[in-house]
Amino acid sequence: MAGRGDALIAPGGPMVAEVNDWPAFLRTADDDAVLQALRLHGRTRRPLGSPAFIERMEVKVGRTLRPGKPGPKPRSCLPCELPPT
């Protein structure tokens, strides 16, 4: 690889174990289902992966990454909103 290096695919990087032959991998045809999933998750900004992977990422970043319940969040009951007793 000429030019600037990439930490993801550098020797010892996290992607090295995932793909043995990068030139061959990059020459393979695109899978339409994979591209559709990547586009959907790119639009929603949600991670793409197995439930176990997403759980590990939630632990790493310290927040929920899975979609929540749709709709507005319920209002919290503030002291000023309580009915008089």
Protein backbone atom coordinates (compact mmCIF):
# COMPACT_ATOMS: atom_id res chain seq x y z
CA MET A 1 0.00 0.00 0.00
CA ALA A 2 1.59 3.25 -1.10
CA GLY A 3 0.98 6.62 0.47
CA ARG A 4 -0.55 7.31 3.85
CA GLY A 5 -1.11 4.29 6.08
CA ASP A 6 -4.37 3.29 7.67
CA ALA A 7 -4.41 2.20 11.33
CA LEU A 8 -7.28 -0.24 10.68
CA ILE A 9 -5.34 -2.31 8.17
CA ALA A 10 -1.80 -1.67 9.39
CA PRO A 11 0.14 -4.71 10.65
CA GLY A 12 -1.36 -5.56 14.02
CA GLY A 13 -4.47 -3.46 13.30
CA PRO A 14 -7.97 -4.74 14.01
CA MET A 15 -8.87 -5.53 10.39
CA VAL A 16 -5.77 -7.57 9.57
CA ALA A 17 -7.20 -10.77 11.04
CA GLU A 18 -10.52 -10.23 9.23
CA VAL A 19 -9.17 -10.25 5.66
CA ASN A 20 -6.17 -12.34 4.60
CA ASP A 21 -5.75 -10.98 1.05
CA TRP A 22 -6.79 -7.33 0.74
CA PRO A 23 -6.18 -6.99 -3.03
CA ALA A 24 -8.40 -10.04 -3.68
CA PHE A 25 -11.00 -8.79 -1.20
CA LEU A 26 -11.18 -5.40 -2.92
CA ARG A 27 -11.60 -7.04 -6.35
CA THR A 28 -14.69 -9.05 -5.29
CA ALA A 29 -18.11 -8.03 -6.57
CA ASP A 30 -20.32 -5.99 -4.30
CA ASP A 31 -23.16 -7.88 -2.58
CA ASP A 32 -26.41 -5.93 -3.05
CA ALA A 33 -27.84 -7.04 0.32
CA VAL A 34 -24.68 -5.93 2.12
CA LEU A 35 -24.66 -2.58 0.32
CA GLN A 36 -28.33 -2.03 1.20
CA ALA A 37 -27.65 -2.80 4.88
CA LEU A 38 -24.63 -0.47 4.89
CA ARG A 39 -26.65 2.34 3.33
CA LEU A 40 -29.52 1.89 5.81
CA HIS A 41 -27.22 1.92 8.82
CA GLY A 42 -25.28 4.85 7.36
CA ARG A 43 -28.50 6.87 7.14
CA THR A 44 -29.66 5.96 10.64
CA ARG A 45 -26.15 6.26 12.10
CA ARG A 46 -26.69 2.97 13.92
CA PRO A 47 -23.95 0.36 14.04
CA LEU A 48 -24.23 -2.66 11.77
CA GLY A 49 -23.41 -5.96 13.41
CA SER A 50 -24.65 -8.84 15.48
CA PRO A 51 -26.47 -8.17 18.76
CA ALA A 52 -23.34 -9.33 20.64
CA PHE A 53 -21.16 -6.88 18.66
CA ILE A 54 -23.55 -4.00 19.34
CA GLU A 55 -23.63 -4.84 23.06
CA ARG A 56 -19.80 -4.78 23.16
CA MET A 57 -19.79 -1.40 21.40
CA GLU A 58 -22.36 -0.03 23.86
CA VAL A 59 -20.11 -1.03 26.75
CA LYS A 60 -17.10 0.59 25.06
CA VAL A 61 -18.80 3.90 24.32
CA GLY A 62 -20.92 3.95 27.48
CA ARG A 63 -24.28 4.60 25.82
CA THR A 64 -27.13 2.81 24.08
CA LEU A 65 -26.64 2.33 20.34
CA ARG A 66 -29.74 0.23 19.61
CA PRO A 67 -32.92 1.98 18.51
CA GLY A 68 -35.25 2.91 21.34
CA LYS A 69 -39.01 2.93 21.46
CA PRO A 70 -40.52 5.22 18.80
CA GLY A 71 -42.50 8.29 19.72
CA PRO A 72 -42.08 11.06 22.24
CA LYS A 73 -40.61 10.32 25.62
CA PRO A 74 -43.04 10.45 28.54
CA ARG A 75 -42.99 13.67 30.52
CA SER A 76 -41.46 13.42 33.93
CA CYS A 77 -43.58 14.45 36.86
CA LEU A 78 -42.10 17.65 38.23
CA PRO A 79 -43.09 18.98 41.69
CA CYS A 80 -44.78 21.99 40.11
CA GLU A 81 -46.99 19.69 38.03
CA LEU A 82 -48.31 17.67 40.96
CA PRO A 83 -51.95 18.28 41.86
CA PRO A 84 -52.49 20.11 45.16
CA THR A 85 -53.04 17.89 48.18
